Amino acid sequence: MDMGRESRWEKDAMTVEIVFALVTAAALAGLIFVVSWALALSLDLPGSAERRVLAGGALLGALAGVWRLARVLLRFDKQRRLGR
């Protein structure tokens, strides 16, 4: 009947998983940046060192966010292909 096409339920599940992946990736990236910001403030670093810590925190946050996004979506795709 509907072979090869996703049902409405499957499309909704994909949408929920994408939103979950985006939200958790953004939360993780934000948390890492806030930790680096708090570290820079608490250590009372000079201007250039503080900027480097913040830039490093932003970079690590972005990388962790992308990693989380890819991990969640790849795990969902693997489970979907296995029929779970």
PDB file of N, CA and C in Angstrom:
ATOM      1  N   MET A   1       0.815  -1.192   0.000  1.00  0.00           N
ATOM      2  CA  MET A   1       0.000   0.000   0.000  1.00  0.00           C
ATOM      3  C   MET A   1       0.862   1.262   0.000  1.00  0.00           C
ATOM      4  N   ASP A   2       1.511   1.500   1.149  1.00  0.00           N
ATOM      5  CA  ASP A   2       2.241   2.746   1.326  1.00  0.00           C
ATOM      6  C   ASP A   2       3.727   2.463   1.476  1.00  0.00           C
ATOM      7  N   MET A   3       4.209   1.446   0.757  1.00  0.00           N
ATOM      8  CA  MET A   3       5.597   1.024   0.922  1.00  0.00           C
ATOM      9  C   MET A   3       6.549   2.107   0.436  1.00  0.00           C
ATOM     10  N   GLY A   4       7.600   2.355   1.240  1.00  0.00           N
ATOM     11  CA  GLY A   4       8.599   3.334   0.852  1.00  0.00           C
ATOM     12  C   GLY A   4       8.274   4.748   1.280  1.00  0.00           C
ATOM     13  N   ARG A   5       7.109   4.964   1.803  1.00  0.00           N
ATOM     14  CA  ARG A   5       6.739   6.306   2.239  1.00  0.00           C
ATOM     15  C   ARG A   5       6.523   6.300   3.747  1.00  0.00           C
ATOM     16  N   GLU A   6       6.900   7.408   4.382  1.00  0.00           N
ATOM     17  CA  GLU A   6       6.725   7.500   5.828  1.00  0.00           C
ATOM     18  C   GLU A   6       5.277   7.820   6.166  1.00  0.00           C
ATOM     19  N   SER A   7       4.830   7.241   7.252  1.00  0.00           N
ATOM     20  CA  SER A   7       3.497   7.556   7.741  1.00  0.00           C
ATOM     21  C   SER A   7       3.540   8.906   8.458  1.00  0.00           C
ATOM     22  N   ARG A   8       2.396   9.416   8.777  1.00  0.00           N
ATOM     23  CA  ARG A   8       2.309  10.680   9.500  1.00  0.00           C
ATOM     24  C   ARG A   8       3.005  10.563  10.856  1.00  0.00           C
ATOM     25  N   TRP A   9       2.835   9.401  11.512  1.00  0.00           N
ATOM     26  CA  TRP A   9       3.462   9.175  12.808  1.00  0.00           C
ATOM     27  C   TRP A   9       4.981   9.234  12.686  1.00  0.00           C
ATOM     28  N   GLU A  10       5.531   8.629  11.635  1.00  0.00           N
ATOM     29  CA  GLU A  10       6.985   8.633  11.432  1.00  0.00           C
ATOM     30  C   GLU A  10       7.500  10.041  11.152  1.00  0.00           C
ATOM     31  N   LYS A  11       6.752  10.815  10.393  1.00  0.00           N
ATOM     32  CA  LYS A  11       7.150  12.207  10.131  1.00  0.00           C
ATOM     33  C   LYS A  11       7.133  13.027  11.413  1.00  0.00           C
ATOM     34  N   ASP A  12       6.109  12.812  12.239  1.00  0.00           N
ATOM     35  CA  ASP A  12       6.044  13.520  13.519  1.00  0.00           C
ATOM     36  C   ASP A  12       7.199  13.117  14.423  1.00  0.00           C
ATOM     37  N   ALA A  13       7.540  11.840  14.431  1.00  0.00           N
ATOM     38  CA  ALA A  13       8.659  11.366  15.250  1.00  0.00           C
ATOM     39  C   ALA A  13       9.972  11.997  14.785  1.00  0.00           C
ATOM     40  N   MET A  14      10.151  12.136  13.483  1.00  0.00           N
ATOM     41  CA  MET A  14      11.359  12.778  12.957  1.00  0.00           C
ATOM     42  C   MET A  14      11.415  14.246  13.363  1.00  0.00           C
ATOM     43  N   THR A  15      10.283  14.924  13.295  1.00  0.00           N
ATOM     44  CA  THR A  15      10.235  16.330  13.675  1.00  0.00           C
ATOM     45  C   THR A  15      10.581  16.506  15.147  1.00  0.00           C
ATOM     46  N   VAL A  16      10.015  15.667  15.986  1.00  0.00           N
ATOM     47  CA  VAL A  16      10.304  15.736  17.420  1.00  0.00           C
ATOM     48  C   VAL A  16      11.784  15.467  17.672  1.00  0.00           C
ATOM     49  N   GLU A  17      12.346  14.509  16.986  1.00  0.00           N
ATOM     50  CA  GLU A  17      13.756  14.173  17.186  1.00  0.00           C
ATOM     51  C   GLU A  17      14.667  15.308  16.712  1.00  0.00           C
ATOM     52  N   ILE A  18      14.320  15.946  15.621  1.00  0.00           N
ATOM     53  CA  ILE A  18      15.115  17.075  15.127  1.00  0.00           C
ATOM     54  C   ILE A  18      15.070  18.230  16.122  1.00  0.00           C
ATOM     55  N   VAL A  19      13.886  18.545  16.626  1.00  0.00           N
ATOM     56  CA  VAL A  19      13.765  19.634  17.602  1.00  0.00           C
ATOM     57  C   VAL A  19      14.524  19.285  18.878  1.00  0.00           C
ATOM     58  N   PHE A  20      14.400  18.042  19.332  1.00  0.00           N
ATOM     59  CA  PHE A  20      15.140  17.601  20.518  1.00  0.00           C
ATOM     60  C   PHE A  20      16.645  17.761  20.300  1.00  0.00           C
ATOM     61  N   ALA A  21      17.119  17.348  19.139  1.00  0.00           N
ATOM     62  CA  ALA A  21      18.553  17.453  18.844  1.00  0.00           C
ATOM     63  C   ALA A  21      18.997  18.910  18.831  1.00  0.00           C
ATOM     64  N   LEU A  22      18.216  19.790  18.223  1.00  0.00           N
ATOM     65  CA  LEU A  22      18.576  21.207  18.167  1.00  0.00           C
ATOM     66  C   LEU A  22      18.576  21.849  19.548  1.00  0.00           C
ATOM     67  N   VAL A  23      17.561  21.556  20.339  1.00  0.00           N
ATOM     68  CA  VAL A  23      17.463  22.163  21.668  1.00  0.00           C
ATOM     69  C   VAL A  23      18.598  21.683  22.571  1.00  0.00           C
ATOM     70  N   THR A  24      18.860  20.387  22.579  1.00  0.00           N
ATOM     71  CA  THR A  24      19.922  19.888  23.446  1.00  0.00           C
ATOM     72  C   THR A  24      21.298  20.345  22.970  1.00  0.00           C
ATOM     73  N   ALA A  25      21.487  20.464  21.657  1.00  0.00           N
ATOM     74  CA  ALA A  25      22.762  20.959  21.138  1.00  0.00           C
ATOM     75  C   ALA A  25      22.970  22.422  21.534  1.00  0.00           C
ATOM     76  N   ALA A  26      21.927  23.227  21.419  1.00  0.00           N
ATOM     77  CA  ALA A  26      22.029  24.637  21.807  1.00  0.00           C
ATOM     78  C   ALA A  26      22.262  24.776  23.307  1.00  0.00           C
ATOM     79  N   ALA A  27      21.592  23.947  24.101  1.00  0.00           N
ATOM     80  CA  ALA A  27      21.780  23.998  25.554  1.00  0.00           C
ATOM     81  C   ALA A  27      23.209  23.613  25.933  1.00  0.00           C
ATOM     82  N   LEU A  28      23.731  22.576  25.306  1.00  0.00           N
ATOM     83  CA  LEU A  28      25.104  22.153  25.596  1.00  0.00           C
ATOM     84  C   LEU A  28      26.109  23.228  25.188  1.00  0.00           C
ATOM     85  N   ALA A  29      25.928  23.796  24.010  1.00  0.00           N
ATOM     86  CA  ALA A  29      26.832  24.852  23.544  1.00  0.00           C
ATOM     87  C   ALA A  29      26.765  26.062  24.469  1.00  0.00           C
ATOM     88  N   GLY A  30      25.553  26.441  24.855  1.00  0.00           N
ATOM     89  CA  GLY A  30      25.394  27.576  25.759  1.00  0.00           C
ATOM     90  C   GLY A  30      26.008  27.322  27.121  1.00  0.00           C
ATOM     91  N   LEU A  31      25.835  26.126  27.640  1.00  0.00           N
ATOM     92  CA  LEU A  31      26.399  25.775  28.941  1.00  0.00           C
ATOM     93  C   LEU A  31      27.925  25.855  28.918  1.00  0.00           C
ATOM     94  N   ILE A  32      28.528  25.343  27.873  1.00  0.00           N
ATOM     95  CA  ILE A  32      29.995  25.383  27.771  1.00  0.00           C
ATOM     96  C   ILE A  32      30.483  26.820  27.663  1.00  0.00           C
ATOM     97  N   PHE A  33      29.780  27.659  26.908  1.00  0.00           N
ATOM     98  CA  PHE A  33      30.182  29.056  26.795  1.00  0.00           C
ATOM     99  C   PHE A  33      30.022  29.775  28.135  1.00  0.00           C
ATOM    100  N   VAL A  34      28.930  29.527  28.838  1.00  0.00           N
ATOM    101  CA  VAL A  34      28.705  30.177  30.141  1.00  0.00           C
ATOM    102  C   VAL A  34      29.779  29.763  31.137  1.00  0.00           C
ATOM    103  N   VAL A  35      30.181  28.497  31.109  1.00  0.00           N
ATOM    104  CA  VAL A  35      31.246  28.042  32.004  1.00  0.00           C
ATOM    105  C   VAL A  35      32.557  28.762  31.683  1.00  0.00           C
ATOM    106  N   SER A  36      32.869  28.910  30.400  1.00  0.00           N
ATOM    107  CA  SER A  36      34.103  29.619  30.040  1.00  0.00           C
ATOM    108  C   SER A  36      34.010  31.100  30.407  1.00  0.00           C
ATOM    109  N   TRP A  37      32.837  31.678  30.277  1.00  0.00           N
ATOM    110  CA  TRP A  37      32.627  33.074  30.646  1.00  0.00           C
ATOM    111  C   TRP A  37      32.801  33.249  32.159  1.00  0.00           C
ATOM    112  N   ALA A  38      32.203  32.349  32.934  1.00  0.00           N
ATOM    113  CA  ALA A  38      32.351  32.408  34.387  1.00  0.00           C
ATOM    114  C   ALA A  38      33.803  32.214  34.801  1.00  0.00           C
ATOM    115  N   LEU A  39      34.502  31.330  34.109  1.00  0.00           N
ATOM    116  CA  LEU A  39      35.919  31.113  34.393  1.00  0.00           C
ATOM    117  C   LEU A  39      36.722  32.378  34.118  1.00  0.00           C
ATOM    118  N   ALA A  40      36.448  33.018  32.989  1.00  0.00           N
ATOM    119  CA  ALA A  40      37.168  34.244  32.645  1.00  0.00           C
ATOM    120  C   ALA A  40      36.881  35.352  33.656  1.00  0.00           C
ATOM    121  N   LEU A  41      35.645  35.442  34.107  1.00  0.00           N
ATOM    122  CA  LEU A  41      35.298  36.475  35.094  1.00  0.00           C
ATOM    123  C   LEU A  41      35.899  36.177  36.460  1.00  0.00           C
ATOM    124  N   SER A  42      35.869  34.922  36.867  1.00  0.00           N
ATOM    125  CA  SER A  42      36.356  34.579  38.204  1.00  0.00           C
ATOM    126  C   SER A  42      37.877  34.674  38.320  1.00  0.00           C
ATOM    127  N   LEU A  43      38.584  34.447  37.226  1.00  0.00           N
ATOM    128  CA  LEU A  43      40.045  34.525  37.265  1.00  0.00           C
ATOM    129  C   LEU A  43      40.562  35.947  37.084  1.00  0.00           C
ATOM    130  N   ASP A  44      39.671  36.866  36.728  1.00  0.00           N
ATOM    131  CA  ASP A  44      40.034  38.275  36.525  1.00  0.00           C
ATOM    132  C   ASP A  44      41.236  38.405  35.579  1.00  0.00           C
ATOM    133  N   LEU A  45      41.083  37.835  34.408  1.00  0.00           N
ATOM    134  CA  LEU A  45      42.153  37.818  33.416  1.00  0.00           C
ATOM    135  C   LEU A  45      42.278  39.172  32.725  1.00  0.00           C
ATOM    136  N   PRO A  46      43.474  39.484  32.217  1.00  0.00           N
ATOM    137  CA  PRO A  46      43.624  40.709  31.423  1.00  0.00           C
ATOM    138  C   PRO A  46      42.821  40.600  30.120  1.00  0.00           C
ATOM    139  N   GLY A  47      42.598  41.695  29.463  1.00  0.00           N
ATOM    140  CA  GLY A  47      41.724  41.771  28.284  1.00  0.00           C
ATOM    141  C   GLY A  47      41.972  40.739  27.207  1.00  0.00           C
ATOM    142  N   SER A  48      43.219  40.583  26.761  1.00  0.00           N
ATOM    143  CA  SER A  48      43.490  39.653  25.660  1.00  0.00           C
ATOM    144  C   SER A  48      43.309  38.201  26.093  1.00  0.00           C
ATOM    145  N   ALA A  49      43.703  37.881  27.302  1.00  0.00           N
ATOM    146  CA  ALA A  49      43.541  36.507  27.793  1.00  0.00           C
ATOM    147  C   ALA A  49      42.056  36.190  27.980  1.00  0.00           C
ATOM    148  N   GLU A  50      41.283  37.167  28.463  1.00  0.00           N
ATOM    149  CA  GLU A  50      39.850  36.958  28.637  1.00  0.00           C
ATOM    150  C   GLU A  50      39.172  36.721  27.293  1.00  0.00           C
ATOM    151  N   ARG A  51      39.569  37.471  26.284  1.00  0.00           N
ATOM    152  CA  ARG A  51      39.008  37.279  24.934  1.00  0.00           C
ATOM    153  C   ARG A  51      39.352  35.899  24.391  1.00  0.00           C
ATOM    154  N   ARG A  52      40.579  35.432  24.650  1.00  0.00           N
ATOM    155  CA  ARG A  52      40.963  34.100  24.184  1.00  0.00           C
ATOM    156  C   ARG A  52      40.181  33.001  24.891  1.00  0.00           C
ATOM    157  N   VAL A  53      39.953  33.162  26.179  1.00  0.00           N
ATOM    158  CA  VAL A  53      39.166  32.171  26.917  1.00  0.00           C
ATOM    159  C   VAL A  53      37.729  32.154  26.388  1.00  0.00           C
ATOM    160  N   LEU A  54      37.169  33.333  26.149  1.00  0.00           N
ATOM    161  CA  LEU A  54      35.803  33.406  25.613  1.00  0.00           C
ATOM    162  C   LEU A  54      35.723  32.831  24.198  1.00  0.00           C
ATOM    163  N   ALA A  55      36.732  33.123  23.380  1.00  0.00           N
ATOM    164  CA  ALA A  55      36.743  32.570  22.023  1.00  0.00           C
ATOM    165  C   ALA A  55      36.893  31.045  22.070  1.00  0.00           C
ATOM    166  N   GLY A  56      37.745  30.554  22.959  1.00  0.00           N
ATOM    167  CA  GLY A  56      37.896  29.107  23.123  1.00  0.00           C
ATOM    168  C   GLY A  56      36.617  28.463  23.617  1.00  0.00           C
ATOM    169  N   GLY A  57      35.925  29.124  24.547  1.00  0.00           N
ATOM    170  CA  GLY A  57      34.651  28.614  25.044  1.00  0.00           C
ATOM    171  C   GLY A  57      33.589  28.592  23.954  1.00  0.00           C
ATOM    172  N   ALA A  58      33.574  29.623  23.124  1.00  0.00           N
ATOM    173  CA  ALA A  58      32.615  29.658  22.017  1.00  0.00           C
ATOM    174  C   ALA A  58      32.922  28.555  21.006  1.00  0.00           C
ATOM    175  N   LEU A  59      34.202  28.351  20.723  1.00  0.00           N
ATOM    176  CA  LEU A  59      34.588  27.301  19.783  1.00  0.00           C
ATOM    177  C   LEU A  59      34.260  25.916  20.329  1.00  0.00           C
ATOM    178  N   LEU A  60      34.610  25.677  21.589  1.00  0.00           N
ATOM    179  CA  LEU A  60      34.294  24.381  22.195  1.00  0.00           C
ATOM    180  C   LEU A  60      32.785  24.161  22.284  1.00  0.00           C
ATOM    181  N   GLY A  61      32.058  25.215  22.603  1.00  0.00           N
ATOM    182  CA  GLY A  61      30.606  25.116  22.654  1.00  0.00           C
ATOM    183  C   GLY A  61      30.011  24.778  21.304  1.00  0.00           C
ATOM    184  N   ALA A  62      30.507  25.433  20.265  1.00  0.00           N
ATOM    185  CA  ALA A  62      30.004  25.156  18.914  1.00  0.00           C
ATOM    186  C   ALA A  62      30.326  23.721  18.496  1.00  0.00           C
ATOM    187  N   LEU A  63      31.539  23.287  18.769  1.00  0.00           N
ATOM    188  CA  LEU A  63      31.916  21.910  18.418  1.00  0.00           C
ATOM    189  C   LEU A  63      31.085  20.890  19.189  1.00  0.00           C
ATOM    190  N   ALA A  64      30.875  21.136  20.471  1.00  0.00           N
ATOM    191  CA  ALA A  64      30.071  20.211  21.274  1.00  0.00           C
ATOM    192  C   ALA A  64      28.621  20.204  20.795  1.00  0.00           C
ATOM    193  N   GLY A  65      28.108  21.358  20.398  1.00  0.00           N
ATOM    194  CA  GLY A  65      26.749  21.434  19.887  1.00  0.00           C
ATOM    195  C   GLY A  65      26.580  20.658  18.590  1.00  0.00           C
ATOM    196  N   VAL A  66      27.529  20.815  17.691  1.00  0.00           N
ATOM    197  CA  VAL A  66      27.471  20.074  16.425  1.00  0.00           C
ATOM    198  C   VAL A  66      27.606  18.580  16.680  1.00  0.00           C
ATOM    199  N   TRP A  67      28.500  18.198  17.604  1.00  0.00           N
ATOM    200  CA  TRP A  67      28.667  16.784  17.946  1.00  0.00           C
ATOM    201  C   TRP A  67      27.366  16.214  18.500  1.00  0.00           C
ATOM    202  N   ARG A  68      26.718  16.944  19.393  1.00  0.00           N
ATOM    203  CA  ARG A  68      25.468  16.471  19.995  1.00  0.00           C
ATOM    204  C   ARG A  68      24.377  16.340  18.931  1.00  0.00           C
ATOM    205  N   LEU A  69      24.275  17.322  18.070  1.00  0.00           N
ATOM    206  CA  LEU A  69      23.269  17.292  17.007  1.00  0.00           C
ATOM    207  C   LEU A  69      23.469  16.074  16.108  1.00  0.00           C
ATOM    208  N   ALA A  70      24.692  15.862  15.672  1.00  0.00           N
ATOM    209  CA  ALA A  70      24.978  14.725  14.793  1.00  0.00           C
ATOM    210  C   ALA A  70      24.742  13.399  15.510  1.00  0.00           C
ATOM    211  N   ARG A  71      25.148  13.317  16.769  1.00  0.00           N
ATOM    212  CA  ARG A  71      24.995  12.065  17.521  1.00  0.00           C
ATOM    213  C   ARG A  71      23.527  11.685  17.693  1.00  0.00           C
ATOM    214  N   VAL A  72      22.700  12.652  18.051  1.00  0.00           N
ATOM    215  CA  VAL A  72      21.277  12.368  18.259  1.00  0.00           C
ATOM    216  C   VAL A  72      20.615  11.964  16.946  1.00  0.00           C
ATOM    217  N   LEU A  73      20.901  12.700  15.880  1.00  0.00           N
ATOM    218  CA  LEU A  73      20.250  12.399  14.608  1.00  0.00           C
ATOM    219  C   LEU A  73      20.732  11.085  14.004  1.00  0.00           C
ATOM    220  N   LEU A  74      22.000  10.795  14.136  1.00  0.00           N
ATOM    221  CA  LEU A  74      22.503   9.518  13.617  1.00  0.00           C
ATOM    222  C   LEU A  74      21.956   8.338  14.410  1.00  0.00           C
ATOM    223  N   ARG A  75      21.843   8.500  15.736  1.00  0.00           N
ATOM    224  CA  ARG A  75      21.273   7.443  16.559  1.00  0.00           C
ATOM    225  C   ARG A  75      19.803   7.216  16.187  1.00  0.00           C
ATOM    226  N   PHE A  76      19.066   8.294  15.957  1.00  0.00           N
ATOM    227  CA  PHE A  76      17.659   8.157  15.565  1.00  0.00           C
ATOM    228  C   PHE A  76      17.547   7.458  14.211  1.00  0.00           C
ATOM    229  N   ASP A  77      18.394   7.828  13.269  1.00  0.00           N
ATOM    230  CA  ASP A  77      18.347   7.209  11.943  1.00  0.00           C
ATOM    231  C   ASP A  77      18.673   5.720  12.026  1.00  0.00           C
ATOM    232  N   LYS A  78      19.650   5.367  12.854  1.00  0.00           N
ATOM    233  CA  LYS A  78      20.008   3.947  13.015  1.00  0.00           C
ATOM    234  C   LYS A  78      18.833   3.165  13.600  1.00  0.00           C
ATOM    235  N   GLN A  79      18.178   3.716  14.621  1.00  0.00           N
ATOM    236  CA  GLN A  79      17.035   3.040  15.220  1.00  0.00           C
ATOM    237  C   GLN A  79      15.869   2.947  14.236  1.00  0.00           C
ATOM    238  N   ARG A  80      15.675   3.994  13.444  1.00  0.00           N
ATOM    239  CA  ARG A  80      14.586   3.986  12.460  1.00  0.00           C
ATOM    240  C   ARG A  80      14.831   2.926  11.412  1.00  0.00           C
ATOM    241  N   ARG A  81      16.067   2.775  10.975  1.00  0.00           N
ATOM    242  CA  ARG A  81      16.376   1.752   9.957  1.00  0.00           C
ATOM    243  C   ARG A  81      16.226   0.332  10.504  1.00  0.00           C
ATOM    244  N   LEU A  82      16.451   0.174  11.807  1.00  0.00           N
ATOM    245  CA  LEU A  82      16.283  -1.138  12.432  1.00  0.00           C
ATOM    246  C   LEU A  82      14.814  -1.440  12.729  1.00  0.00           C
ATOM    247  N   GLY A  83      13.965  -0.450  12.568  1.00  0.00           N
ATOM    248  CA  GLY A  83      12.545  -0.652  12.768  1.00  0.00           C
ATOM    249  C   GLY A  83      12.067  -0.488  14.193  1.00  0.00           C
ATOM    250  N   ARG A  84      12.811   0.253  14.987  1.00  0.00           N
ATOM    251  CA  ARG A  84      12.420   0.465  16.389  1.00  0.00           C
ATOM    252  C   ARG A  84      11.675   1.740  16.561  1.00  0.00           C
TER     253      ARG A  84
END
